[in-house]
Amino acid sequence: MARWTPGARERLQQAALDLFATHGYDKVTVAEIAEAAGVTERTFFRHFDVKREVLFIGQDEFAGAFLTPIGDLPDEQTDPGTIVLAALAGACDFFPDDRRPFSRARDAIIDAEPALQERELLKLAGLTDSLTRAMSVRGIDPQRARLAAETATVAFRTTFATWIADGENRSFRAVLDSVLADLTVLADGMAAHPPIS
C-alpha cells in the first residue's frame, strides 16, 4: 500500500465521504477509509486525529478566511458593518464553485448524525466568538461587536445552505449578495418601527 503519498489527505477525505454516504457514518471504520484511499491506517492518523476530523479538518483555515480580511483593514476601521462585509468577502474565496460537490456531500452526512451536527454548531459558535473578539480589540462596544459577529455568522450559514441546495448554481458570492440584500430589507423594516418598550 502507498505510504505518505502526495494528496493522501484529499484521497482519505473523498474515500470517507463515499463510504459514509453509502454505509452511514457510524458503520465505517478508519481501516475501511484507509483501504479505500489506498493508504495505511498509520497514514490516516498522520492526517486526522479521529474519524470525525475527516469532516472537520481545516478549522483554522476556515476561521482564517473570515479573520484575515479583518486584520487587513486599517487599524482605525471601527465600523461593524464594514468589518462584517470584509469577513464575508473572505469567506467567498474559501468556497469556490469546485468545492460545492464536497460541501454538499459533507453537509448531507452531518445532517444525518446528531453528534456531527453538534460539532458543526460548535465550529460556528467558535467562529462567532472569534469575530466578536476581532471587533472588540478594535474598541467596538461589546454588545455591538457580538451582534455584528452573530449577523456575519447567520449571513454565512444562510448563504452556505442556499449555495449547496439541490439545483443551485450561483457562485457563493452571488448567493451572499442576495442574502445581504434580504438582510438589508429586514434591517430597514425594523428601523422603520419604534423601539420595543
N, C-alpha and C. Protein backbone atom coordinates (compact mmCIF):
# COMPACT_ATOMS: atom_id res chain seq x y z
N MET A 1 0.83 -1.20 0.00
CA MET A 1 0.00 0.00 0.00
C MET A 1 0.87 1.25 0.00
N ALA A 2 0.36 2.30 -0.62
CA ALA A 2 1.11 3.55 -0.68
C ALA A 2 1.23 4.16 0.71
N ARG A 3 2.40 4.75 0.98
CA ARG A 3 2.58 5.41 2.27
C ARG A 3 3.04 6.83 2.03
N TRP A 4 2.42 7.76 2.73
CA TRP A 4 2.80 9.17 2.68
C TRP A 4 2.77 9.70 1.25
N THR A 5 1.75 9.29 0.52
CA THR A 5 1.60 9.68 -0.87
C THR A 5 1.08 11.11 -0.96
N PRO A 6 1.63 11.93 -1.84
CA PRO A 6 1.07 13.27 -2.03
C PRO A 6 -0.43 13.18 -2.35
N GLY A 7 -1.20 14.05 -1.75
CA GLY A 7 -2.64 14.03 -1.98
C GLY A 7 -3.38 13.03 -1.12
N ALA A 8 -2.68 12.40 -0.17
CA ALA A 8 -3.30 11.37 0.67
C ALA A 8 -4.47 11.94 1.47
N ARG A 9 -4.30 13.13 1.98
CA ARG A 9 -5.38 13.74 2.79
C ARG A 9 -6.65 13.88 1.96
N GLU A 10 -6.50 14.38 0.75
CA GLU A 10 -7.67 14.58 -0.10
C GLU A 10 -8.30 13.24 -0.48
N ARG A 11 -7.46 12.24 -0.75
CA ARG A 11 -8.00 10.91 -1.09
C ARG A 11 -8.72 10.30 0.10
N LEU A 12 -8.17 10.51 1.29
CA LEU A 12 -8.83 9.99 2.50
C LEU A 12 -10.18 10.67 2.71
N GLN A 13 -10.22 11.98 2.51
CA GLN A 13 -11.49 12.70 2.67
C GLN A 13 -12.53 12.20 1.68
N GLN A 14 -12.12 12.03 0.42
CA GLN A 14 -13.07 11.59 -0.59
C GLN A 14 -13.53 10.16 -0.32
N ALA A 15 -12.60 9.30 0.06
CA ALA A 15 -12.96 7.92 0.37
C ALA A 15 -13.93 7.87 1.54
N ALA A 16 -13.65 8.68 2.55
CA ALA A 16 -14.54 8.72 3.73
C ALA A 16 -15.93 9.20 3.34
N LEU A 17 -16.02 10.26 2.56
CA LEU A 17 -17.32 10.77 2.14
C LEU A 17 -18.11 9.71 1.38
N ASP A 18 -17.43 9.01 0.47
CA ASP A 18 -18.10 7.98 -0.31
C ASP A 18 -18.61 6.85 0.58
N LEU A 19 -17.78 6.43 1.53
CA LEU A 19 -18.17 5.34 2.43
C LEU A 19 -19.28 5.77 3.39
N PHE A 20 -19.16 6.98 3.92
CA PHE A 20 -20.20 7.48 4.84
C PHE A 20 -21.54 7.57 4.12
N ALA A 21 -21.52 8.04 2.88
CA ALA A 21 -22.76 8.19 2.12
C ALA A 21 -23.39 6.84 1.82
N THR A 22 -22.56 5.84 1.60
CA THR A 22 -23.06 4.52 1.24
C THR A 22 -23.49 3.70 2.44
N HIS A 23 -22.69 3.74 3.53
CA HIS A 23 -22.91 2.85 4.66
C HIS A 23 -23.36 3.55 5.94
N GLY A 24 -23.26 4.87 5.99
CA GLY A 24 -23.56 5.59 7.22
C GLY A 24 -22.30 5.85 8.01
N TYR A 25 -22.23 6.99 8.63
CA TYR A 25 -21.02 7.41 9.34
C TYR A 25 -20.58 6.40 10.40
N ASP A 26 -21.51 5.96 11.25
CA ASP A 26 -21.15 5.09 12.37
C ASP A 26 -20.63 3.72 11.94
N LYS A 27 -21.05 3.26 10.77
CA LYS A 27 -20.69 1.90 10.34
C LYS A 27 -19.36 1.82 9.60
N VAL A 28 -18.75 2.95 9.35
CA VAL A 28 -17.49 2.97 8.61
C VAL A 28 -16.32 3.07 9.59
N THR A 29 -15.30 2.25 9.37
CA THR A 29 -14.12 2.26 10.24
C THR A 29 -12.97 3.02 9.57
N VAL A 30 -12.02 3.39 10.40
CA VAL A 30 -10.81 4.04 9.88
C VAL A 30 -10.08 3.10 8.93
N ALA A 31 -10.04 1.82 9.27
CA ALA A 31 -9.37 0.85 8.41
C ALA A 31 -10.00 0.81 7.02
N GLU A 32 -11.32 0.88 6.97
CA GLU A 32 -12.01 0.86 5.67
C GLU A 32 -11.72 2.12 4.87
N ILE A 33 -11.66 3.27 5.56
CA ILE A 33 -11.35 4.52 4.87
C ILE A 33 -9.94 4.46 4.29
N ALA A 34 -9.00 4.00 5.11
CA ALA A 34 -7.61 3.92 4.65
C ALA A 34 -7.48 2.97 3.46
N GLU A 35 -8.13 1.83 3.55
CA GLU A 35 -8.06 0.86 2.45
C GLU A 35 -8.64 1.45 1.16
N ALA A 36 -9.79 2.12 1.28
CA ALA A 36 -10.42 2.70 0.10
C ALA A 36 -9.56 3.80 -0.53
N ALA A 37 -8.76 4.48 0.31
CA ALA A 37 -7.89 5.55 -0.18
C ALA A 37 -6.54 5.03 -0.65
N GLY A 38 -6.29 3.75 -0.40
CA GLY A 38 -5.02 3.17 -0.82
C GLY A 38 -3.85 3.54 0.05
N VAL A 39 -4.12 3.76 1.34
CA VAL A 39 -3.05 4.08 2.30
C VAL A 39 -3.20 3.22 3.53
N THR A 40 -2.26 3.32 4.44
CA THR A 40 -2.32 2.56 5.68
C THR A 40 -3.10 3.35 6.74
N GLU A 41 -3.50 2.64 7.80
CA GLU A 41 -4.14 3.33 8.93
C GLU A 41 -3.18 4.34 9.55
N ARG A 42 -1.91 3.99 9.58
CA ARG A 42 -0.91 4.92 10.13
C ARG A 42 -0.93 6.23 9.35
N THR A 43 -1.05 6.13 8.03
CA THR A 43 -1.13 7.35 7.21
C THR A 43 -2.39 8.13 7.54
N PHE A 44 -3.50 7.41 7.75
CA PHE A 44 -4.73 8.11 8.14
C PHE A 44 -4.48 8.97 9.37
N PHE A 45 -3.84 8.38 10.38
CA PHE A 45 -3.65 9.09 11.64
C PHE A 45 -2.55 10.15 11.57
N ARG A 46 -1.79 10.16 10.50
CA ARG A 46 -0.87 11.28 10.28
C ARG A 46 -1.64 12.53 9.85
N HIS A 47 -2.79 12.31 9.24
CA HIS A 47 -3.58 13.43 8.73
C HIS A 47 -4.75 13.80 9.64
N PHE A 48 -5.32 12.83 10.34
CA PHE A 48 -6.52 13.06 11.14
C PHE A 48 -6.37 12.39 12.50
N ASP A 49 -6.74 13.10 13.56
CA ASP A 49 -6.65 12.52 14.92
C ASP A 49 -7.69 11.43 15.13
N VAL A 50 -8.90 11.69 14.66
CA VAL A 50 -10.02 10.75 14.82
C VAL A 50 -10.86 10.77 13.54
N LYS A 51 -11.76 9.81 13.42
CA LYS A 51 -12.55 9.66 12.19
C LYS A 51 -13.34 10.92 11.85
N ARG A 52 -13.97 11.55 12.82
CA ARG A 52 -14.82 12.69 12.50
C ARG A 52 -14.04 13.88 11.95
N GLU A 53 -12.72 13.93 12.23
CA GLU A 53 -11.93 15.05 11.74
C GLU A 53 -11.79 15.05 10.22
N VAL A 54 -12.12 13.92 9.58
CA VAL A 54 -12.17 13.90 8.12
C VAL A 54 -13.16 14.96 7.64
N LEU A 55 -14.20 15.18 8.42
CA LEU A 55 -15.24 16.15 8.07
C LEU A 55 -14.97 17.55 8.62
N PHE A 56 -14.09 17.65 9.61
CA PHE A 56 -13.91 18.94 10.29
C PHE A 56 -12.49 19.48 10.24
N ILE A 57 -11.59 18.78 9.56
CA ILE A 57 -10.22 19.28 9.45
C ILE A 57 -10.22 20.62 8.73
N GLY A 58 -9.31 21.49 9.09
CA GLY A 58 -9.22 22.79 8.42
C GLY A 58 -9.97 23.90 9.13
N GLN A 59 -10.26 23.71 10.43
CA GLN A 59 -10.96 24.74 11.18
C GLN A 59 -10.19 26.06 11.19
N ASP A 60 -8.87 25.97 11.33
CA ASP A 60 -8.07 27.20 11.36
C ASP A 60 -8.14 27.94 10.03
N GLU A 61 -8.08 27.17 8.93
CA GLU A 61 -8.18 27.79 7.62
C GLU A 61 -9.55 28.41 7.40
N PHE A 62 -10.59 27.72 7.87
CA PHE A 62 -11.95 28.23 7.76
C PHE A 62 -12.08 29.56 8.51
N ALA A 63 -11.66 29.58 9.77
CA ALA A 63 -11.74 30.82 10.55
C ALA A 63 -10.86 31.91 9.95
N GLY A 64 -9.70 31.52 9.44
CA GLY A 64 -8.80 32.50 8.84
C GLY A 64 -9.39 33.18 7.62
N ALA A 65 -10.25 32.47 6.89
CA ALA A 65 -10.89 33.07 5.72
C ALA A 65 -11.71 34.29 6.11
N PHE A 66 -12.27 34.27 7.32
CA PHE A 66 -13.05 35.41 7.82
C PHE A 66 -12.16 36.44 8.52
N LEU A 67 -11.19 35.96 9.28
CA LEU A 67 -10.42 36.84 10.16
C LEU A 67 -9.29 37.57 9.46
N THR A 68 -8.68 36.94 8.46
CA THR A 68 -7.57 37.59 7.77
C THR A 68 -7.98 38.91 7.12
N PRO A 69 -9.14 38.95 6.42
CA PRO A 69 -9.55 40.23 5.84
C PRO A 69 -9.81 41.32 6.90
N ILE A 70 -10.25 40.91 8.07
CA ILE A 70 -10.44 41.90 9.14
C ILE A 70 -9.09 42.46 9.56
N GLY A 71 -8.11 41.58 9.70
CA GLY A 71 -6.77 42.02 10.06
C GLY A 71 -6.13 42.92 9.02
N ASP A 72 -6.57 42.77 7.77
CA ASP A 72 -6.02 43.59 6.69
C ASP A 72 -6.62 45.00 6.65
N LEU A 73 -7.70 45.21 7.37
CA LEU A 73 -8.31 46.54 7.40
C LEU A 73 -7.43 47.51 8.20
N PRO A 74 -7.51 48.79 7.90
CA PRO A 74 -6.75 49.77 8.71
C PRO A 74 -7.16 49.69 10.18
N ASP A 75 -6.21 49.92 11.05
CA ASP A 75 -6.47 49.82 12.49
C ASP A 75 -7.60 50.75 12.93
N GLU A 76 -7.74 51.86 12.24
CA GLU A 76 -8.77 52.84 12.65
C GLU A 76 -10.17 52.47 12.17
N GLN A 77 -10.29 51.38 11.41
CA GLN A 77 -11.61 50.97 10.92
C GLN A 77 -12.40 50.33 12.06
N THR A 78 -13.45 51.00 12.49
CA THR A 78 -14.26 50.51 13.62
C THR A 78 -15.74 50.43 13.28
N ASP A 79 -16.08 50.51 12.01
CA ASP A 79 -17.47 50.37 11.62
C ASP A 79 -17.82 48.88 11.54
N PRO A 80 -18.73 48.38 12.40
CA PRO A 80 -19.03 46.94 12.40
C PRO A 80 -19.52 46.42 11.05
N GLY A 81 -20.31 47.22 10.34
CA GLY A 81 -20.82 46.78 9.05
C GLY A 81 -19.71 46.56 8.04
N THR A 82 -18.77 47.47 8.00
CA THR A 82 -17.63 47.33 7.09
C THR A 82 -16.80 46.10 7.43
N ILE A 83 -16.63 45.85 8.72
CA ILE A 83 -15.84 44.70 9.17
C ILE A 83 -16.56 43.39 8.82
N VAL A 84 -17.87 43.35 9.02
CA VAL A 84 -18.65 42.16 8.67
C VAL A 84 -18.55 41.88 7.17
N LEU A 85 -18.66 42.91 6.35
CA LEU A 85 -18.58 42.72 4.90
C LEU A 85 -17.20 42.22 4.48
N ALA A 86 -16.16 42.71 5.13
CA ALA A 86 -14.81 42.23 4.82
C ALA A 86 -14.67 40.75 5.17
N ALA A 87 -15.19 40.37 6.32
CA ALA A 87 -15.11 38.97 6.75
C ALA A 87 -15.86 38.06 5.79
N LEU A 88 -17.05 38.47 5.39
CA LEU A 88 -17.86 37.65 4.49
C LEU A 88 -17.25 37.57 3.09
N ALA A 89 -16.62 38.64 2.66
CA ALA A 89 -15.93 38.61 1.36
C ALA A 89 -14.80 37.58 1.39
N GLY A 90 -14.13 37.47 2.52
CA GLY A 90 -13.09 36.46 2.66
C GLY A 90 -13.64 35.05 2.55
N ALA A 91 -14.83 34.85 3.09
CA ALA A 91 -15.46 33.53 3.03
C ALA A 91 -15.75 33.13 1.58
N CYS A 92 -16.05 34.10 0.75
CA CYS A 92 -16.34 33.80 -0.66
C CYS A 92 -15.16 33.11 -1.33
N ASP A 93 -13.95 33.54 -1.00
CA ASP A 93 -12.76 32.93 -1.60
C ASP A 93 -12.54 31.51 -1.09
N PHE A 94 -13.07 31.20 0.08
CA PHE A 94 -12.89 29.87 0.68
C PHE A 94 -13.83 28.84 0.06
N PHE A 95 -14.87 29.33 -0.62
CA PHE A 95 -15.87 28.43 -1.20
C PHE A 95 -16.02 28.67 -2.71
N PRO A 96 -14.98 28.29 -3.48
CA PRO A 96 -15.11 28.37 -4.94
C PRO A 96 -16.09 27.31 -5.44
N ASP A 97 -16.54 27.46 -6.67
CA ASP A 97 -17.55 26.55 -7.21
C ASP A 97 -17.12 25.09 -7.19
N ASP A 98 -15.82 24.83 -7.38
CA ASP A 98 -15.39 23.44 -7.41
C ASP A 98 -15.39 22.77 -6.05
N ARG A 99 -15.65 23.55 -5.00
CA ARG A 99 -15.76 22.98 -3.65
C ARG A 99 -17.20 22.55 -3.34
N ARG A 100 -18.16 22.97 -4.16
CA ARG A 100 -19.57 22.73 -3.87
C ARG A 100 -19.92 21.24 -3.76
N PRO A 101 -19.46 20.35 -4.67
CA PRO A 101 -19.81 18.93 -4.53
C PRO A 101 -19.36 18.33 -3.19
N PHE A 102 -18.13 18.65 -2.80
CA PHE A 102 -17.63 18.18 -1.50
C PHE A 102 -18.49 18.72 -0.36
N SER A 103 -18.81 20.02 -0.42
CA SER A 103 -19.60 20.65 0.64
C SER A 103 -20.99 20.05 0.72
N ARG A 104 -21.59 19.75 -0.42
CA ARG A 104 -22.91 19.11 -0.42
C ARG A 104 -22.86 17.73 0.23
N ALA A 105 -21.87 16.94 -0.17
CA ALA A 105 -21.74 15.59 0.37
C ALA A 105 -21.47 15.63 1.87
N ARG A 106 -20.58 16.51 2.28
CA ARG A 106 -20.25 16.65 3.70
C ARG A 106 -21.47 17.05 4.52
N ASP A 107 -22.23 18.02 4.01
CA ASP A 107 -23.39 18.51 4.74
C ASP A 107 -24.45 17.42 4.90
N ALA A 108 -24.65 16.60 3.87
CA ALA A 108 -25.63 15.51 3.95
C ALA A 108 -25.26 14.51 5.04
N ILE A 109 -23.98 14.23 5.17
CA ILE A 109 -23.52 13.30 6.20
C ILE A 109 -23.72 13.90 7.58
N ILE A 110 -23.37 15.16 7.75
CA ILE A 110 -23.53 15.83 9.04
C ILE A 110 -25.00 15.90 9.43
N ASP A 111 -25.86 16.21 8.47
CA ASP A 111 -27.30 16.31 8.75
C ASP A 111 -27.89 14.99 9.24
N ALA A 112 -27.25 13.89 8.90
CA ALA A 112 -27.78 12.57 9.28
C ALA A 112 -27.29 12.10 10.66
N GLU A 113 -26.38 12.84 11.28
CA GLU A 113 -25.80 12.40 12.55
C GLU A 113 -25.86 13.51 13.59
N PRO A 114 -26.69 13.36 14.64
CA PRO A 114 -26.80 14.40 15.65
C PRO A 114 -25.47 14.82 16.28
N ALA A 115 -24.58 13.86 16.52
CA ALA A 115 -23.29 14.20 17.14
C ALA A 115 -22.46 15.08 16.21
N LEU A 116 -22.54 14.83 14.91
CA LEU A 116 -21.82 15.66 13.96
C LEU A 116 -22.46 17.03 13.83
N GLN A 117 -23.79 17.09 13.93
CA GLN A 117 -24.48 18.38 13.92
C GLN A 117 -24.02 19.25 15.09
N GLU A 118 -23.87 18.61 16.25
CA GLU A 118 -23.40 19.35 17.43
C GLU A 118 -21.99 19.89 17.20
N ARG A 119 -21.14 19.08 16.60
CA ARG A 119 -19.76 19.50 16.32
C ARG A 119 -19.76 20.66 15.33
N GLU A 120 -20.64 20.63 14.35
CA GLU A 120 -20.73 21.72 13.37
C GLU A 120 -21.21 23.01 14.03
N LEU A 121 -22.17 22.90 14.94
CA LEU A 121 -22.65 24.08 15.65
C LEU A 121 -21.56 24.68 16.53
N LEU A 122 -20.74 23.81 17.13
CA LEU A 122 -19.62 24.30 17.94
C LEU A 122 -18.62 25.05 17.08
N LYS A 123 -18.39 24.55 15.87
CA LYS A 123 -17.48 25.22 14.94
C LYS A 123 -17.98 26.63 14.63
N LEU A 124 -19.28 26.74 14.36
CA LEU A 124 -19.84 28.05 14.03
C LEU A 124 -19.88 28.98 15.25
N ALA A 125 -20.11 28.40 16.42
CA ALA A 125 -20.07 29.22 17.64
C ALA A 125 -18.65 29.75 17.86
N GLY A 126 -17.66 28.93 17.56
CA GLY A 126 -16.28 29.37 17.68
C GLY A 126 -15.97 30.50 16.71
N LEU A 127 -16.53 30.41 15.51
CA LEU A 127 -16.35 31.49 14.54
C LEU A 127 -16.96 32.79 15.06
N THR A 128 -18.15 32.70 15.61
CA THR A 128 -18.81 33.90 16.15
C THR A 128 -17.96 34.52 17.26
N ASP A 129 -17.44 33.68 18.14
CA ASP A 129 -16.59 34.19 19.23
C ASP A 129 -15.34 34.87 18.68
N SER A 130 -14.73 34.26 17.66
CA SER A 130 -13.52 34.85 17.08
C SER A 130 -13.82 36.19 16.41
N LEU A 131 -14.94 36.27 15.71
CA LEU A 131 -15.32 37.53 15.08
C LEU A 131 -15.62 38.60 16.13
N THR A 132 -16.26 38.20 17.22
CA THR A 132 -16.55 39.15 18.30
C THR A 132 -15.25 39.72 18.87
N ARG A 133 -14.29 38.84 19.13
CA ARG A 133 -13.00 39.30 19.67
C ARG A 133 -12.28 40.21 18.69
N ALA A 134 -12.34 39.86 17.40
CA ALA A 134 -11.66 40.67 16.39
C ALA A 134 -12.22 42.09 16.34
N MET A 135 -13.51 42.23 16.60
CA MET A 135 -14.11 43.56 16.62
C MET A 135 -13.87 44.27 17.96
N SER A 136 -13.90 43.50 19.02
CA SER A 136 -13.70 44.09 20.35
C SER A 136 -12.32 44.71 20.48
N VAL A 137 -11.30 44.07 19.91
CA VAL A 137 -9.94 44.62 20.02
C VAL A 137 -9.80 45.93 19.25
N ARG A 138 -10.76 46.21 18.37
CA ARG A 138 -10.76 47.49 17.67
C ARG A 138 -11.52 48.56 18.45
N GLY A 139 -11.96 48.20 19.65
CA GLY A 139 -12.65 49.17 20.50
C GLY A 139 -14.14 49.26 20.27
N ILE A 140 -14.70 48.34 19.52
CA ILE A 140 -16.15 48.35 19.27
C ILE A 140 -16.87 47.89 20.54
N ASP A 141 -17.95 48.56 20.86
CA ASP A 141 -18.77 48.23 22.02
C ASP A 141 -19.08 46.73 22.03
N PRO A 142 -18.93 46.04 23.19
CA PRO A 142 -19.12 44.58 23.24
C PRO A 142 -20.46 44.10 22.69
N GLN A 143 -21.55 44.80 23.03
CA GLN A 143 -22.86 44.38 22.54
C GLN A 143 -22.93 44.50 21.02
N ARG A 144 -22.43 45.61 20.50
CA ARG A 144 -22.46 45.82 19.05
C ARG A 144 -21.53 44.83 18.34
N ALA A 145 -20.39 44.55 18.95
CA ALA A 145 -19.45 43.59 18.36
C ALA A 145 -20.08 42.20 18.29
N ARG A 146 -20.76 41.81 19.37
CA ARG A 146 -21.39 40.50 19.39
C ARG A 146 -22.52 40.42 18.36
N LEU A 147 -23.33 41.46 18.27
CA LEU A 147 -24.43 41.48 17.31
C LEU A 147 -23.90 41.41 15.88
N ALA A 148 -22.84 42.15 15.61
CA ALA A 148 -22.25 42.12 14.26
C ALA A 148 -21.69 40.74 13.95
N ALA A 149 -21.03 40.13 14.92
CA ALA A 149 -20.47 38.79 14.71
C ALA A 149 -21.56 37.76 14.48
N GLU A 150 -22.62 37.83 15.27
CA GLU A 150 -23.75 36.91 15.08
C GLU A 150 -24.39 37.11 13.71
N THR A 151 -24.50 38.36 13.28
CA THR A 151 -25.07 38.67 11.97
C THR A 151 -24.21 38.07 10.86
N ALA A 152 -22.89 38.20 11.00
CA ALA A 152 -21.98 37.62 10.00
C ALA A 152 -22.15 36.11 9.93
N THR A 153 -22.26 35.47 11.09
CA THR A 153 -22.40 34.02 11.11
C THR A 153 -23.73 33.59 10.50
N VAL A 154 -24.80 34.28 10.83
CA VAL A 154 -26.11 33.96 10.25
C VAL A 154 -26.10 34.18 8.74
N ALA A 155 -25.50 35.26 8.30
CA ALA A 155 -25.42 35.52 6.86
C ALA A 155 -24.62 34.41 6.17
N PHE A 156 -23.53 33.98 6.80
CA PHE A 156 -22.74 32.89 6.24
C PHE A 156 -23.56 31.60 6.18
N ARG A 157 -24.19 31.23 7.28
CA ARG A 157 -24.96 29.98 7.33
C ARG A 157 -26.07 29.96 6.29
N THR A 158 -26.77 31.08 6.16
CA THR A 158 -27.85 31.17 5.19
C THR A 158 -27.31 31.06 3.77
N THR A 159 -26.21 31.75 3.51
CA THR A 159 -25.57 31.68 2.20
C THR A 159 -25.12 30.26 1.89
N PHE A 160 -24.46 29.64 2.84
CA PHE A 160 -23.93 28.29 2.63
C PHE A 160 -25.06 27.30 2.35
N ALA A 161 -26.12 27.37 3.15
CA ALA A 161 -27.26 26.45 2.97
C ALA A 161 -27.89 26.61 1.59
N THR A 162 -27.98 27.85 1.12
CA THR A 162 -28.54 28.09 -0.22
C THR A 162 -27.58 27.61 -1.29
N TRP A 163 -26.30 27.87 -1.11
CA TRP A 163 -25.27 27.55 -2.10
C TRP A 163 -25.18 26.04 -2.36
N ILE A 164 -25.40 25.23 -1.32
CA ILE A 164 -25.29 23.78 -1.50
C ILE A 164 -26.64 23.12 -1.81
N ALA A 165 -27.71 23.90 -1.87
CA ALA A 165 -29.03 23.33 -2.15
C ALA A 165 -29.07 22.70 -3.53
N ASP A 166 -29.87 21.65 -3.67
CA ASP A 166 -30.02 20.99 -4.97
C ASP A 166 -30.48 22.00 -6.02
N GLY A 167 -29.82 21.97 -7.16
CA GLY A 167 -30.20 22.83 -8.27
C GLY A 167 -29.61 24.22 -8.22
N GLU A 168 -28.98 24.60 -7.11
CA GLU A 168 -28.38 25.94 -7.02
C GLU A 168 -27.06 25.95 -7.80
N ASN A 169 -26.89 26.96 -8.67
CA ASN A 169 -25.66 27.03 -9.44
C ASN A 169 -24.99 28.40 -9.39
N ARG A 170 -25.56 29.33 -8.62
CA ARG A 170 -24.91 30.63 -8.47
C ARG A 170 -23.62 30.48 -7.66
N SER A 171 -22.71 31.40 -7.84
CA SER A 171 -21.48 31.38 -7.05
C SER A 171 -21.80 31.72 -5.60
N PHE A 172 -20.88 31.40 -4.71
CA PHE A 172 -21.06 31.73 -3.30
C PHE A 172 -21.25 33.24 -3.14
N ARG A 173 -20.46 34.00 -3.87
CA ARG A 173 -20.56 35.46 -3.77
C ARG A 173 -21.92 35.97 -4.24
N ALA A 174 -22.46 35.40 -5.31
CA ALA A 174 -23.77 35.83 -5.80
C ALA A 174 -24.87 35.50 -4.80
N VAL A 175 -24.78 34.32 -4.18
CA VAL A 175 -25.76 33.97 -3.16
C VAL A 175 -25.63 34.90 -1.96
N LEU A 176 -24.40 35.18 -1.55
CA LEU A 176 -24.17 36.08 -0.42
C LEU A 176 -24.76 37.46 -0.71
N ASP A 177 -24.57 37.98 -1.91
CA ASP A 177 -25.15 39.29 -2.26
C ASP A 177 -26.66 39.28 -2.08
N SER A 178 -27.31 38.18 -2.47
CA SER A 178 -28.75 38.06 -2.32
C SER A 178 -29.15 38.03 -0.85
N VAL A 179 -28.40 37.29 -0.06
CA VAL A 179 -28.67 37.20 1.38
C VAL A 179 -28.49 38.56 2.04
N LEU A 180 -27.43 39.26 1.69
CA LEU A 180 -27.19 40.58 2.28
C LEU A 180 -28.28 41.58 1.87
N ALA A 181 -28.79 41.46 0.65
CA ALA A 181 -29.89 42.33 0.22
C ALA A 181 -31.13 42.07 1.07
N ASP A 182 -31.42 40.79 1.33
CA ASP A 182 -32.56 40.45 2.19
C ASP A 182 -32.35 40.96 3.61
N LEU A 183 -31.13 40.84 4.08
CA LEU A 183 -30.81 41.30 5.43
C LEU A 183 -30.97 42.82 5.54
N THR A 184 -30.62 43.53 4.49
CA THR A 184 -30.78 44.98 4.47
C THR A 184 -32.25 45.37 4.51
N VAL A 185 -33.07 44.65 3.74
CA VAL A 185 -34.51 44.91 3.76
C VAL A 185 -35.08 44.66 5.15
N LEU A 186 -34.64 43.58 5.78
CA LEU A 186 -35.09 43.27 7.14
C LEU A 186 -34.69 44.36 8.12
N ALA A 187 -33.44 44.82 8.04
CA ALA A 187 -32.94 45.87 8.96
C ALA A 187 -33.68 47.18 8.73
N ASP A 188 -33.92 47.50 7.46
CA ASP A 188 -34.65 48.74 7.15
C ASP A 188 -36.07 48.68 7.70
N GLY A 189 -36.69 47.51 7.56
CA GLY A 189 -38.05 47.36 8.08
C GLY A 189 -38.09 47.50 9.60
N MET A 190 -37.13 46.94 10.27
CA MET A 190 -37.07 47.06 11.73
C MET A 190 -36.81 48.49 12.15
N ALA A 191 -35.94 49.19 11.39
CA ALA A 191 -35.60 50.57 11.73
C ALA A 191 -36.79 51.51 11.56
N ALA A 192 -37.73 51.13 10.71
CA ALA A 192 -38.90 51.98 10.43
C ALA A 192 -39.92 51.94 11.56
N HIS A 193 -39.77 51.00 12.48
CA HIS A 193 -40.73 50.88 13.58
C HIS A 193 -40.14 51.45 14.85
N PRO A 194 -40.98 51.95 15.74
CA PRO A 194 -40.48 52.49 17.01
C PRO A 194 -39.87 51.38 17.85
N PRO A 195 -38.95 51.73 18.75
CA PRO A 195 -38.34 50.72 19.62
C PRO A 195 -39.37 50.00 20.46
N ILE A 196 -39.10 48.74 20.78
CA ILE A 196 -39.98 47.97 21.67
C ILE A 196 -39.81 48.51 23.07
N SER A 197 -40.94 48.81 23.70
CA SER A 197 -40.83 49.36 25.07
C SER A 197 -41.66 48.52 26.02
